[in-house]
Amino acid sequence: MSNTSLAALSCLCTAALCSPLQAQQTTYPLTIENCGQQVTFQKAPERAVALGQNSAEILFLLGLEDRMAATAFWPNEVLPELEAANSKVEVLTVEFPTLEAVLSKQPDFVPAMLLTLMGPDSKVAKREDFEGLGIPTYLSPSACSTALEGTDAYGSRDSLWTMDLLYQEIEELAKIFDVADRGTALIDDFKAREAALRAEFGNREDLTFLFWFSSPSPADDAYLGGGNGPSGYIADILGGSNAITTDAEWPTLGWEGIMAADPTVFVAAQVDRNRWDLDRADNKIAYLTSDPTVSQMEAVKSGRIVVMSGAAMNPSIRTLYGAEEVAKQLKALDLP
């Protein structure tokens, strides 16, 4: 475990919040049920390939970079406190990797954060691709808790996503790697931070947020955070609600519909992958404030635009970090 990861974990508990941790050793072979499948581990993985930023950052926070062979799919740069750990592990690509690239690292474990990375219709890989080679897999409980409908690969939710699914993921990954004590410390830290935000912001029925992830161009429909997804959770934890009420995890909407939603606060995501110009938060803000029509929205005219990491809009550890980012900026806004 690196010094950086040790330092990160050591600050998770204080005398006021946590009792001494009791190590819970994993007994192998270990079998867990994950997204409707039984997965067996004969020993703790030593060459994990993490598909998705959340899967990778959880393993880094657990101090497991020395047991990772590679990562892939990074909408945003790694958390600053995890840069040292990340530098020790190869990044195959910040976009979707190929199955061949993943297998070239000779993995003994492949966790994934999204169905598009390792779901039944994924163009990257399917679980059976690895299982046929004797490689155990793990799919984020947040990913398989969505309902798939039609051609929407991201699915929809009929109830609000919560951090409980993330806590389950941390607990199970920590158990797989036989570091249950580190998982407990991490979960305790997140729970305390979540409670602090709720206590500070309370509840305001009139406060609404609209989360803009990106768009291919200003003329195209915008990719937004769905009503019951992580964006909805961020709005809820900050005492408000999502101005977009669709069940779809990643709805697209034209600007006429966005203006009709009339949010109190615009959240412009900063996406670091550089696929489109509007991945960048500053380009989003430039469009919002210069377009003759969109600039007349009350939230824009009043300067109620905040910036948040795009990774926070995926169900992930970054969702809580995103809520904290928005919280800091909310205090400086002139809210009605």
C-alpha atoms as a PDB file:
ATOM      1  CA  MET A   1       0.000   0.000   0.000  1.00  0.00           C
ATOM      2  CA  SER A   2       1.480   3.369  -1.036  1.00  0.00           C
ATOM      3  CA  ASN A   3       2.258   6.196   1.375  1.00  0.00           C
ATOM      4  CA  THR A   4      -0.327   8.333  -0.411  1.00  0.00           C
ATOM      5  CA  SER A   5      -3.070   5.752   0.070  1.00  0.00           C
ATOM      6  CA  LEU A   6      -2.032   5.156   3.673  1.00  0.00           C
ATOM      7  CA  ALA A   7      -2.203   8.870   4.357  1.00  0.00           C
ATOM      8  CA  ALA A   8      -5.610   9.102   2.727  1.00  0.00           C
ATOM      9  CA  LEU A   9      -6.961   6.247   4.819  1.00  0.00           C
ATOM     10  CA  SER A  10      -5.370   7.465   8.026  1.00  0.00           C
ATOM     11  CA  CYS A  11      -7.365  10.692   7.873  1.00  0.00           C
ATOM     12  CA  LEU A  12     -10.688   8.942   7.331  1.00  0.00           C
ATOM     13  CA  CYS A  13     -11.264   8.417  11.024  1.00  0.00           C
ATOM     14  CA  THR A  14     -11.007  10.787  13.948  1.00  0.00           C
ATOM     15  CA  ALA A  15     -11.428   9.991  17.590  1.00  0.00           C
ATOM     16  CA  ALA A  16     -14.786  11.720  17.519  1.00  0.00           C
ATOM     17  CA  LEU A  17     -16.200   9.768  14.594  1.00  0.00           C
ATOM     18  CA  CYS A  18     -14.672   6.315  14.524  1.00  0.00           C
ATOM     19  CA  SER A  19     -13.772   3.501  16.858  1.00  0.00           C
ATOM     20  CA  PRO A  20     -10.642   1.391  16.251  1.00  0.00           C
ATOM     21  CA  LEU A  21     -11.065  -0.775  13.178  1.00  0.00           C
ATOM     22  CA  GLN A  22     -11.152  -4.526  13.540  1.00  0.00           C
ATOM     23  CA  ALA A  23      -9.656  -6.417  10.600  1.00  0.00           C
ATOM     24  CA  GLN A  24     -11.988  -9.017   9.107  1.00  0.00           C
ATOM     25  CA  GLN A  25      -9.939 -11.528   7.181  1.00  0.00           C
ATOM     26  CA  THR A  26     -11.462 -12.956   4.004  1.00  0.00           C
ATOM     27  CA  THR A  27     -11.685 -16.710   3.714  1.00  0.00           C
ATOM     28  CA  TYR A  28     -11.075 -18.163   0.246  1.00  0.00           C
ATOM     29  CA  PRO A  29     -12.562 -19.500  -1.880  1.00  0.00           C
ATOM     30  CA  LEU A  30     -14.947 -16.556  -1.623  1.00  0.00           C
ATOM     31  CA  THR A  31     -18.266 -16.582  -3.486  1.00  0.00           C
ATOM     32  CA  ILE A  32     -20.382 -13.453  -3.778  1.00  0.00           C
ATOM     33  CA  GLU A  33     -23.603 -12.732  -5.632  1.00  0.00           C
ATOM     34  CA  ASN A  34     -23.119  -9.814  -8.006  1.00  0.00           C
ATOM     35  CA  CYS A  35     -25.887  -8.505 -10.254  1.00  0.00           C
ATOM     36  CA  GLY A  36     -27.630 -11.878 -10.304  1.00  0.00           C
ATOM     37  CA  GLN A  37     -24.493 -13.964 -10.842  1.00  0.00           C
ATOM     38  CA  GLN A  38     -22.381 -16.058  -8.508  1.00  0.00           C
ATOM     39  CA  VAL A  39     -18.688 -15.115  -8.705  1.00  0.00           C
ATOM     40  CA  THR A  40     -15.991 -17.153  -6.966  1.00  0.00           C
ATOM     41  CA  PHE A  41     -12.494 -15.971  -6.040  1.00  0.00           C
ATOM     42  CA  GLN A  42      -9.845 -18.541  -5.177  1.00  0.00           C
ATOM     43  CA  LYS A  43      -7.550 -15.848  -3.778  1.00  0.00           C
ATOM     44  CA  ALA A  44      -7.175 -12.076  -3.638  1.00  0.00           C
ATOM     45  CA  PRO A  45      -6.627 -10.624  -7.138  1.00  0.00           C
ATOM     46  CA  GLU A  46      -3.123  -9.537  -8.100  1.00  0.00           C
ATOM     47  CA  ARG A  47      -3.636  -8.183 -11.659  1.00  0.00           C
ATOM     48  CA  ALA A  48      -6.959  -6.340 -11.725  1.00  0.00           C
ATOM     49  CA  VAL A  49      -7.996  -4.297 -14.756  1.00  0.00           C
ATOM     50  CA  ALA A  50     -10.537  -1.686 -13.687  1.00  0.00           C
ATOM     51  CA  LEU A  51     -13.009  -0.667 -16.395  1.00  0.00           C
ATOM     52  CA  GLY A  52     -14.239   2.778 -15.467  1.00  0.00           C
ATOM     53  CA  GLN A  53     -13.109   5.669 -13.303  1.00  0.00           C
ATOM     54  CA  ASN A  54     -15.197   4.652 -10.300  1.00  0.00           C
ATOM     55  CA  SER A  55     -13.888   1.079 -10.221  1.00  0.00           C
ATOM     56  CA  ALA A  56     -10.318   2.358 -10.436  1.00  0.00           C
ATOM     57  CA  GLU A  57     -10.671   5.112  -7.852  1.00  0.00           C
ATOM     58  CA  ILE A  58     -12.296   2.807  -5.307  1.00  0.00           C
ATOM     59  CA  LEU A  59      -9.350   0.429  -5.627  1.00  0.00           C
ATOM     60  CA  PHE A  60      -6.916   3.350  -5.297  1.00  0.00           C
ATOM     61  CA  LEU A  61      -8.725   4.619  -2.185  1.00  0.00           C
ATOM     62  CA  LEU A  62      -8.413   1.113  -0.764  1.00  0.00           C
ATOM     63  CA  GLY A  63      -4.647   1.241  -1.385  1.00  0.00           C
ATOM     64  CA  LEU A  64      -4.665  -1.523  -3.987  1.00  0.00           C
ATOM     65  CA  GLU A  65      -2.671   0.036  -6.835  1.00  0.00           C
ATOM     66  CA  ASP A  66       0.040  -2.607  -6.415  1.00  0.00           C
ATOM     67  CA  ARG A  67      -2.554  -5.240  -7.356  1.00  0.00           C
ATOM     68  CA  MET A  68      -3.756  -3.494 -10.518  1.00  0.00           C
ATOM     69  CA  ALA A  69      -2.500  -4.130 -14.056  1.00  0.00           C
ATOM     70  CA  ALA A  70      -4.418  -1.354 -15.872  1.00  0.00           C
ATOM     71  CA  THR A  71      -7.438   0.947 -15.968  1.00  0.00           C
ATOM     72  CA  ALA A  72      -9.633   2.408 -18.723  1.00  0.00           C
ATOM     73  CA  PHE A  73     -12.470   4.885 -19.326  1.00  0.00           C
ATOM     74  CA  TRP A  74     -11.793   8.157 -17.507  1.00  0.00           C
ATOM     75  CA  PRO A  75     -14.285  11.019 -18.116  1.00  0.00           C
ATOM     76  CA  ASN A  76     -12.202  13.128 -15.728  1.00  0.00           C
ATOM     77  CA  GLU A  77      -8.706  13.243 -14.347  1.00  0.00           C
ATOM     78  CA  VAL A  78      -8.024  11.221 -11.217  1.00  0.00           C
ATOM     79  CA  LEU A  79      -8.642  12.788  -7.807  1.00  0.00           C
ATOM     80  CA  PRO A  80      -5.575  14.858  -6.799  1.00  0.00           C
ATOM     81  CA  GLU A  81      -4.972  12.763  -3.702  1.00  0.00           C
ATOM     82  CA  LEU A  82      -4.810   9.645  -5.873  1.00  0.00           C
ATOM     83  CA  GLU A  83      -2.373  10.933  -8.503  1.00  0.00           C
ATOM     84  CA  ALA A  84       0.588   9.043  -7.026  1.00  0.00           C
ATOM     85  CA  ALA A  85      -1.330   5.757  -6.977  1.00  0.00           C
ATOM     86  CA  ASN A  86      -2.660   6.323 -10.492  1.00  0.00           C
ATOM     87  CA  SER A  87       0.822   7.004 -11.850  1.00  0.00           C
ATOM     88  CA  LYS A  88       1.819   3.430 -10.999  1.00  0.00           C
ATOM     89  CA  VAL A  89      -0.936   1.828 -13.083  1.00  0.00           C
ATOM     90  CA  GLU A  90      -1.193   1.856 -16.879  1.00  0.00           C
ATOM     91  CA  VAL A  91      -4.165   3.662 -18.443  1.00  0.00           C
ATOM     92  CA  LEU A  92      -5.223   1.716 -21.529  1.00  0.00           C
ATOM     93  CA  THR A  93      -7.415   4.576 -22.772  1.00  0.00           C
ATOM     94  CA  VAL A  94      -9.600   7.339 -21.344  1.00  0.00           C
ATOM     95  CA  GLU A  95     -12.329   6.137 -23.721  1.00  0.00           C
ATOM     96  CA  PHE A  96     -13.810   2.651 -24.203  1.00  0.00           C
ATOM     97  CA  PRO A  97     -11.057   0.002 -24.433  1.00  0.00           C
ATOM     98  CA  THR A  98     -11.051  -3.032 -26.684  1.00  0.00           C
ATOM     99  CA  LEU A  99     -11.399  -6.515 -25.249  1.00  0.00           C
ATOM    100  CA  GLU A 100      -8.027  -7.370 -26.775  1.00  0.00           C
ATOM    101  CA  ALA A 101      -6.364  -4.495 -24.906  1.00  0.00           C
ATOM    102  CA  VAL A 102      -7.848  -5.655 -21.599  1.00  0.00           C
ATOM    103  CA  LEU A 103      -6.824  -9.287 -22.121  1.00  0.00           C
ATOM    104  CA  SER A 104      -3.302  -8.222 -23.116  1.00  0.00           C
ATOM    105  CA  LYS A 105      -2.718  -7.239 -19.464  1.00  0.00           C
ATOM    106  CA  GLN A 106      -3.424 -10.845 -18.354  1.00  0.00           C
ATOM    107  CA  PRO A 107      -5.965  -9.817 -15.726  1.00  0.00           C
ATOM    108  CA  ASP A 108      -7.087 -12.078 -12.906  1.00  0.00           C
ATOM    109  CA  PHE A 109     -10.043  -9.806 -12.051  1.00  0.00           C
ATOM    110  CA  VAL A 110     -12.073  -7.273 -14.063  1.00  0.00           C
ATOM    111  CA  PRO A 111     -14.454  -4.904 -12.225  1.00  0.00           C
ATOM    112  CA  ALA A 112     -16.566  -2.485 -14.298  1.00  0.00           C
ATOM    113  CA  MET A 113     -18.661   0.555 -13.435  1.00  0.00           C
ATOM    114  CA  LEU A 114     -21.108   0.701 -16.373  1.00  0.00           C
ATOM    115  CA  LEU A 115     -23.183  -1.684 -18.462  1.00  0.00           C
ATOM    116  CA  THR A 116     -21.677  -0.085 -21.557  1.00  0.00           C
ATOM    117  CA  LEU A 117     -18.299  -1.370 -20.368  1.00  0.00           C
ATOM    118  CA  MET A 118     -19.347  -4.890 -19.405  1.00  0.00           C
ATOM    119  CA  GLY A 119     -23.052  -5.443 -19.941  1.00  0.00           C
ATOM    120  CA  PRO A 120     -25.107  -7.811 -22.089  1.00  0.00           C
ATOM    121  CA  ASP A 121     -25.043  -5.394 -25.033  1.00  0.00           C
ATOM    122  CA  SER A 122     -21.599  -3.876 -24.429  1.00  0.00           C
ATOM    123  CA  LYS A 123     -19.354  -3.395 -27.449  1.00  0.00           C
ATOM    124  CA  VAL A 124     -16.317  -3.568 -25.152  1.00  0.00           C
ATOM    125  CA  ALA A 125     -16.830  -6.879 -23.357  1.00  0.00           C
ATOM    126  CA  LYS A 126     -19.441  -9.134 -21.845  1.00  0.00           C
ATOM    127  CA  ARG A 127     -19.047 -11.019 -18.597  1.00  0.00           C
ATOM    128  CA  GLU A 128     -18.973 -14.335 -20.436  1.00  0.00           C
ATOM    129  CA  ASP A 129     -15.957 -13.124 -22.434  1.00  0.00           C
ATOM    130  CA  PHE A 130     -13.957 -13.215 -19.214  1.00  0.00           C
ATOM    131  CA  GLU A 131     -15.723 -16.071 -17.475  1.00  0.00           C
ATOM    132  CA  GLY A 132     -14.875 -18.424 -20.349  1.00  0.00           C
ATOM    133  CA  LEU A 133     -11.222 -17.654 -19.604  1.00  0.00           C
ATOM    134  CA  GLY A 134     -11.611 -18.207 -15.863  1.00  0.00           C
ATOM    135  CA  ILE A 135     -11.349 -14.492 -15.053  1.00  0.00           C
ATOM    136  CA  PRO A 136     -13.753 -13.347 -12.303  1.00  0.00           C
ATOM    137  CA  THR A 137     -15.718 -10.152 -12.958  1.00  0.00           C
ATOM    138  CA  TYR A 138     -17.637  -7.617 -10.913  1.00  0.00           C
ATOM    139  CA  LEU A 139     -20.258  -5.149 -12.125  1.00  0.00           C
ATOM    140  CA  SER A 140     -21.135  -2.113 -10.040  1.00  0.00           C
ATOM    141  CA  PRO A 141     -24.457  -2.633  -8.210  1.00  0.00           C
ATOM    142  CA  SER A 142     -25.379   0.895  -9.336  1.00  0.00           C
ATOM    143  CA  ALA A 143     -25.131  -0.186 -12.969  1.00  0.00           C
ATOM    144  CA  CYS A 144     -27.314  -3.260 -12.682  1.00  0.00           C
ATOM    145  CA  SER A 145     -29.935  -1.440 -10.596  1.00  0.00           C
ATOM    146  CA  THR A 146     -31.181   0.387 -13.699  1.00  0.00           C
ATOM    147  CA  ALA A 147     -34.035  -0.906 -15.853  1.00  0.00           C
ATOM    148  CA  LEU A 148     -33.074  -1.301 -19.501  1.00  0.00           C
ATOM    149  CA  GLU A 149     -35.689  -0.223 -22.006  1.00  0.00           C
ATOM    150  CA  GLY A 150     -35.505  -0.237 -25.794  1.00  0.00           C
ATOM    151  CA  THR A 151     -32.193   0.987 -27.188  1.00  0.00           C
ATOM    152  CA  ASP A 152     -31.189   3.064 -24.150  1.00  0.00           C
ATOM    153  CA  ALA A 153     -27.954   1.397 -22.989  1.00  0.00           C
ATOM    154  CA  TYR A 154     -27.916   3.410 -19.753  1.00  0.00           C
ATOM    155  CA  GLY A 155     -31.407   2.484 -18.595  1.00  0.00           C
ATOM    156  CA  SER A 156     -33.711   4.280 -16.201  1.00  0.00           C
ATOM    157  CA  ARG A 157     -34.550   4.435 -12.494  1.00  0.00           C
ATOM    158  CA  ASP A 158     -37.973   4.617 -10.905  1.00  0.00           C
ATOM    159  CA  SER A 159     -36.531   5.640  -7.530  1.00  0.00           C
ATOM    160  CA  LEU A 160     -33.659   7.855  -6.430  1.00  0.00           C
ATOM    161  CA  TRP A 161     -30.150   6.385  -6.550  1.00  0.00           C
ATOM    162  CA  THR A 162     -28.438   6.524  -3.170  1.00  0.00           C
ATOM    163  CA  MET A 163     -24.952   6.051  -1.787  1.00  0.00           C
ATOM    164  CA  ASP A 164     -26.070   2.736  -0.257  1.00  0.00           C
ATOM    165  CA  LEU A 165     -25.311   1.016  -3.569  1.00  0.00           C
ATOM    166  CA  LEU A 166     -21.848   2.558  -3.541  1.00  0.00           C
ATOM    167  CA  TYR A 167     -21.251   1.460   0.044  1.00  0.00           C
ATOM    168  CA  GLN A 168     -22.185  -2.080  -0.986  1.00  0.00           C
ATOM    169  CA  GLU A 169     -19.661  -1.884  -3.828  1.00  0.00           C
ATOM    170  CA  ILE A 170     -16.851  -0.657  -1.568  1.00  0.00           C
ATOM    171  CA  GLU A 171     -17.611  -3.338   1.019  1.00  0.00           C
ATOM    172  CA  GLU A 172     -17.636  -6.130  -1.563  1.00  0.00           C
ATOM    173  CA  LEU A 173     -14.470  -5.010  -3.350  1.00  0.00           C
ATOM    174  CA  ALA A 174     -12.677  -4.684  -0.022  1.00  0.00           C
ATOM    175  CA  LYS A 175     -13.756  -8.222   0.868  1.00  0.00           C
ATOM    176  CA  ILE A 176     -12.596  -9.591  -2.498  1.00  0.00           C
ATOM    177  CA  PHE A 177      -9.125  -8.140  -1.885  1.00  0.00           C
ATOM    178  CA  ASP A 178      -9.075  -9.063   1.837  1.00  0.00           C
ATOM    179  CA  VAL A 179      -8.892  -5.441   3.033  1.00  0.00           C
ATOM    180  CA  ALA A 180     -12.218  -5.194   4.856  1.00  0.00           C
ATOM    181  CA  ASP A 181     -10.854  -2.772   7.450  1.00  0.00           C
ATOM    182  CA  ARG A 182      -9.921  -0.265   4.736  1.00  0.00           C
ATOM    183  CA  GLY A 183     -13.393  -0.572   3.227  1.00  0.00           C
ATOM    184  CA  THR A 184     -15.021   0.123   6.587  1.00  0.00           C
ATOM    185  CA  ALA A 185     -12.895   3.238   7.094  1.00  0.00           C
ATOM    186  CA  LEU A 186     -13.745   4.559   3.646  1.00  0.00           C
ATOM    187  CA  ILE A 187     -17.485   3.985   4.080  1.00  0.00           C
ATOM    188  CA  ASP A 188     -17.450   5.657   7.503  1.00  0.00           C
ATOM    189  CA  ASP A 189     -15.771   8.717   5.999  1.00  0.00           C
ATOM    190  CA  PHE A 190     -18.287   9.007   3.153  1.00  0.00           C
ATOM    191  CA  LYS A 191     -21.251   8.583   5.494  1.00  0.00           C
ATOM    192  CA  ALA A 192     -19.976  11.366   7.757  1.00  0.00           C
ATOM    193  CA  ARG A 193     -19.480  13.699   4.788  1.00  0.00           C
ATOM    194  CA  GLU A 194     -22.930  12.913   3.415  1.00  0.00           C
ATOM    195  CA  ALA A 195     -24.541  13.602   6.794  1.00  0.00           C
ATOM    196  CA  ALA A 196     -22.676  16.903   7.118  1.00  0.00           C
ATOM    197  CA  LEU A 197     -24.016  18.152   3.786  1.00  0.00           C
ATOM    198  CA  ARG A 198     -27.589  17.206   4.617  1.00  0.00           C
ATOM    199  CA  ALA A 199     -27.343  18.892   8.000  1.00  0.00           C
ATOM    200  CA  GLU A 200     -25.980  22.093   6.452  1.00  0.00           C
ATOM    201  CA  PHE A 201     -28.427  22.512   3.570  1.00  0.00           C
ATOM    202  CA  GLY A 202     -31.680  21.143   4.957  1.00  0.00           C
ATOM    203  CA  ASN A 203     -34.639  21.169   2.547  1.00  0.00           C
ATOM    204  CA  ARG A 204     -35.963  23.747   0.059  1.00  0.00           C
ATOM    205  CA  GLU A 205     -38.814  22.686  -2.194  1.00  0.00           C
ATOM    206  CA  ASP A 206     -38.269  25.632  -4.544  1.00  0.00           C
ATOM    207  CA  LEU A 207     -34.556  24.940  -5.215  1.00  0.00           C
ATOM    208  CA  THR A 208     -33.982  23.074  -8.487  1.00  0.00           C
ATOM    209  CA  PHE A 209     -30.797  22.107 -10.317  1.00  0.00           C
ATOM    210  CA  LEU A 210     -30.162  21.244 -13.958  1.00  0.00           C
ATOM    211  CA  PHE A 211     -27.040  19.145 -14.615  1.00  0.00           C
ATOM    212  CA  TRP A 212     -25.536  19.549 -18.109  1.00  0.00           C
ATOM    213  CA  PHE A 213     -22.976  16.864 -18.883  1.00  0.00           C
ATOM    214  CA  SER A 214     -22.117  17.701 -22.504  1.00  0.00           C
ATOM    215  CA  SER A 215     -23.338  18.191 -26.072  1.00  0.00           C
ATOM    216  CA  PRO A 216     -21.795  17.432 -29.470  1.00  0.00           C
ATOM    217  CA  SER A 217     -22.539  21.065 -30.402  1.00  0.00           C
ATOM    218  CA  PRO A 218     -24.861  23.910 -29.351  1.00  0.00           C
ATOM    219  CA  ALA A 219     -27.271  22.839 -32.087  1.00  0.00           C
ATOM    220  CA  ASP A 220     -27.575  19.294 -30.693  1.00  0.00           C
ATOM    221  CA  ASP A 221     -29.645  18.069 -27.788  1.00  0.00           C
ATOM    222  CA  ALA A 222     -27.807  18.207 -24.467  1.00  0.00           C
ATOM    223  CA  TYR A 223     -26.919  15.152 -22.375  1.00  0.00           C
ATOM    224  CA  LEU A 224     -28.329  15.799 -18.907  1.00  0.00           C
ATOM    225  CA  GLY A 225     -28.345  14.099 -15.535  1.00  0.00           C
ATOM    226  CA  GLY A 226     -31.595  12.157 -15.094  1.00  0.00           C
ATOM    227  CA  GLY A 227     -34.093  12.822 -12.343  1.00  0.00           C
ATOM    228  CA  ASN A 228     -33.393   9.715 -10.238  1.00  0.00           C
ATOM    229  CA  GLY A 229     -29.712   9.256 -11.032  1.00  0.00           C
ATOM    230  CA  PRO A 230     -26.667  10.608  -9.195  1.00  0.00           C
ATOM    231  CA  SER A 231     -27.506  14.160 -10.280  1.00  0.00           C
ATOM    232  CA  GLY A 232     -30.860  13.805  -8.557  1.00  0.00           C
ATOM    233  CA  TYR A 233     -29.049  12.561  -5.482  1.00  0.00           C
ATOM    234  CA  ILE A 234     -26.765  15.623  -5.478  1.00  0.00           C
ATOM    235  CA  ALA A 235     -29.789  17.921  -5.742  1.00  0.00           C
ATOM    236  CA  ASP A 236     -31.468  16.027  -2.895  1.00  0.00           C
ATOM    237  CA  ILE A 237     -28.459  16.084  -0.590  1.00  0.00           C
ATOM    238  CA  LEU A 238     -28.238  19.867  -1.080  1.00  0.00           C
ATOM    239  CA  GLY A 239     -31.854  20.351  -0.088  1.00  0.00           C
ATOM    240  CA  GLY A 240     -33.388  20.708  -3.548  1.00  0.00           C
ATOM    241  CA  SER A 241     -34.489  18.605  -6.488  1.00  0.00           C
ATOM    242  CA  ASN A 242     -33.539  17.855 -10.081  1.00  0.00           C
ATOM    243  CA  ALA A 243     -35.260  20.145 -12.601  1.00  0.00           C
ATOM    244  CA  ILE A 244     -35.186  17.189 -15.021  1.00  0.00           C
ATOM    245  CA  THR A 245     -37.739  14.668 -13.784  1.00  0.00           C
ATOM    246  CA  THR A 246     -37.408  11.887 -16.368  1.00  0.00           C
ATOM    247  CA  ASP A 247     -36.612   8.372 -15.158  1.00  0.00           C
ATOM    248  CA  ALA A 248     -33.926   7.990 -17.858  1.00  0.00           C
ATOM    249  CA  GLU A 249     -30.408   7.877 -16.441  1.00  0.00           C
ATOM    250  CA  TRP A 250     -29.015  10.065 -19.248  1.00  0.00           C
ATOM    251  CA  PRO A 251     -31.850  11.944 -20.988  1.00  0.00           C
ATOM    252  CA  THR A 252     -31.191  14.226 -23.959  1.00  0.00           C
ATOM    253  CA  LEU A 253     -33.142  17.437 -24.303  1.00  0.00           C
ATOM    254  CA  GLY A 254     -33.228  20.374 -26.689  1.00  0.00           C
ATOM    255  CA  TRP A 255     -32.760  23.918 -25.459  1.00  0.00           C
ATOM    256  CA  GLU A 256     -36.438  24.727 -25.697  1.00  0.00           C
ATOM    257  CA  GLY A 257     -37.114  21.946 -23.199  1.00  0.00           C
ATOM    258  CA  ILE A 258     -34.217  23.029 -20.994  1.00  0.00           C
ATOM    259  CA  MET A 259     -35.552  26.586 -20.861  1.00  0.00           C
ATOM    260  CA  ALA A 260     -38.981  25.224 -19.941  1.00  0.00           C
ATOM    261  CA  ALA A 261     -37.421  23.351 -17.009  1.00  0.00           C
ATOM    262  CA  ASP A 262     -36.281  26.767 -15.670  1.00  0.00           C
ATOM    263  CA  PRO A 263     -33.812  25.588 -12.982  1.00  0.00           C
ATOM    264  CA  THR A 264     -32.768  27.732 -10.048  1.00  0.00           C
ATOM    265  CA  VAL A 265     -29.149  26.678 -10.577  1.00  0.00           C
ATOM    266  CA  PHE A 266     -27.313  25.506 -13.705  1.00  0.00           C
ATOM    267  CA  VAL A 267     -24.596  22.898 -13.057  1.00  0.00           C
ATOM    268  CA  ALA A 268     -22.037  22.853 -15.888  1.00  0.00           C
ATOM    269  CA  ALA A 269     -19.963  19.673 -15.885  1.00  0.00           C
ATOM    270  CA  GLN A 270     -16.241  19.774 -16.548  1.00  0.00           C
ATOM    271  CA  VAL A 271     -15.382  16.686 -18.621  1.00  0.00           C
ATOM    272  CA  ASP A 272     -11.673  16.148 -19.270  1.00  0.00           C
ATOM    273  CA  ARG A 273     -11.831  13.608 -22.087  1.00  0.00           C
ATOM    274  CA  ASN A 274     -11.909  16.329 -24.833  1.00  0.00           C
ATOM    275  CA  ARG A 275     -14.289  14.483 -27.135  1.00  0.00           C
ATOM    276  CA  TRP A 276     -16.417  17.591 -27.820  1.00  0.00           C
ATOM    277  CA  ASP A 277     -15.814  21.326 -27.314  1.00  0.00           C
ATOM    278  CA  LEU A 278     -18.759  21.433 -24.922  1.00  0.00           C
ATOM    279  CA  ASP A 279     -17.091  18.873 -22.668  1.00  0.00           C
ATOM    280  CA  ARG A 280     -15.362  21.882 -21.116  1.00  0.00           C
ATOM    281  CA  ALA A 281     -17.228  23.827 -18.461  1.00  0.00           C
ATOM    282  CA  ASP A 282     -15.895  27.183 -19.679  1.00  0.00           C
ATOM    283  CA  ASN A 283     -17.307  26.522 -23.148  1.00  0.00           C
ATOM    284  CA  LYS A 284     -20.653  25.608 -21.610  1.00  0.00           C
ATOM    285  CA  ILE A 285     -20.696  28.850 -19.639  1.00  0.00           C
ATOM    286  CA  ALA A 286     -19.690  30.870 -22.705  1.00  0.00           C
ATOM    287  CA  TYR A 287     -22.644  29.419 -24.605  1.00  0.00           C
ATOM    288  CA  LEU A 288     -25.113  29.930 -21.754  1.00  0.00           C
ATOM    289  CA  THR A 289     -24.138  33.569 -21.334  1.00  0.00           C
ATOM    290  CA  SER A 290     -23.824  34.544 -25.005  1.00  0.00           C
ATOM    291  CA  ASP A 291     -26.694  32.798 -26.773  1.00  0.00           C
ATOM    292  CA  PRO A 292     -29.408  35.420 -27.330  1.00  0.00           C
ATOM    293  CA  THR A 293     -32.197  33.157 -26.113  1.00  0.00           C
ATOM    294  CA  VAL A 294     -30.596  30.868 -23.537  1.00  0.00           C
ATOM    295  CA  SER A 295     -28.882  33.801 -21.823  1.00  0.00           C
ATOM    296  CA  GLN A 296     -32.318  35.146 -20.862  1.00  0.00           C
ATOM    297  CA  MET A 297     -32.987  32.238 -18.496  1.00  0.00           C
ATOM    298  CA  GLU A 298     -33.307  33.548 -14.952  1.00  0.00           C
ATOM    299  CA  ALA A 299     -30.565  31.274 -13.603  1.00  0.00           C
ATOM    300  CA  VAL A 300     -28.144  32.530 -16.268  1.00  0.00           C
ATOM    301  CA  LYS A 301     -29.068  36.222 -15.926  1.00  0.00           C
ATOM    302  CA  SER A 302     -28.602  35.957 -12.161  1.00  0.00           C
ATOM    303  CA  GLY A 303     -25.227  34.242 -12.471  1.00  0.00           C
ATOM    304  CA  ARG A 304     -26.416  31.048 -10.829  1.00  0.00           C
ATOM    305  CA  ILE A 305     -24.057  28.755 -12.747  1.00  0.00           C
ATOM    306  CA  VAL A 306     -21.732  26.383 -10.893  1.00  0.00           C
ATOM    307  CA  VAL A 307     -19.076  23.966 -12.148  1.00  0.00           C
ATOM    308  CA  MET A 308     -18.751  20.315 -11.164  1.00  0.00           C
ATOM    309  CA  SER A 309     -16.711  17.334 -12.313  1.00  0.00           C
ATOM    310  CA  GLY A 310     -18.580  15.375 -14.972  1.00  0.00           C
ATOM    311  CA  ALA A 311     -17.538  12.132 -13.280  1.00  0.00           C
ATOM    312  CA  ALA A 312     -19.850  13.065 -10.395  1.00  0.00           C
ATOM    313  CA  MET A 313     -22.838  12.518 -12.689  1.00  0.00           C
ATOM    314  CA  ASN A 314     -22.000   8.811 -12.929  1.00  0.00           C
ATOM    315  CA  PRO A 315     -22.994   6.653  -9.933  1.00  0.00           C
ATOM    316  CA  SER A 316     -19.613   6.683  -8.235  1.00  0.00           C
ATOM    317  CA  ILE A 317     -17.526   7.921  -5.344  1.00  0.00           C
ATOM    318  CA  ARG A 318     -17.174  11.129  -7.334  1.00  0.00           C
ATOM    319  CA  THR A 319     -20.881  11.850  -6.829  1.00  0.00           C
ATOM    320  CA  LEU A 320     -20.239  12.828  -3.206  1.00  0.00           C
ATOM    321  CA  TYR A 321     -17.224  14.890  -4.228  1.00  0.00           C
ATOM    322  CA  GLY A 322     -19.447  16.605  -6.794  1.00  0.00           C
ATOM    323  CA  ALA A 323     -22.030  17.434  -4.151  1.00  0.00           C
ATOM    324  CA  GLU A 324     -19.266  19.012  -2.082  1.00  0.00           C
ATOM    325  CA  GLU A 325     -18.053  21.004  -5.120  1.00  0.00           C
ATOM    326  CA  VAL A 326     -21.525  22.403  -5.747  1.00  0.00           C
ATOM    327  CA  ALA A 327     -22.084  23.063  -2.034  1.00  0.00           C
ATOM    328  CA  LYS A 328     -19.068  25.369  -1.821  1.00  0.00           C
ATOM    329  CA  GLN A 329     -20.283  27.421  -4.791  1.00  0.00           C
ATOM    330  CA  LEU A 330     -23.910  27.568  -3.624  1.00  0.00           C
ATOM    331  CA  LYS A 331     -22.881  29.615  -0.604  1.00  0.00           C
ATOM    332  CA  ALA A 332     -21.658  32.399  -2.882  1.00  0.00           C
ATOM    333  CA  LEU A 333     -24.820  32.557  -5.011  1.00  0.00           C
ATOM    334  CA  ASP A 334     -27.688  34.992  -4.587  1.00  0.00           C
ATOM    335  CA  LEU A 335     -30.431  32.400  -4.344  1.00  0.00           C
ATOM    336  CA  PRO A 336     -34.059  33.558  -4.498  1.00  0.00           C
END
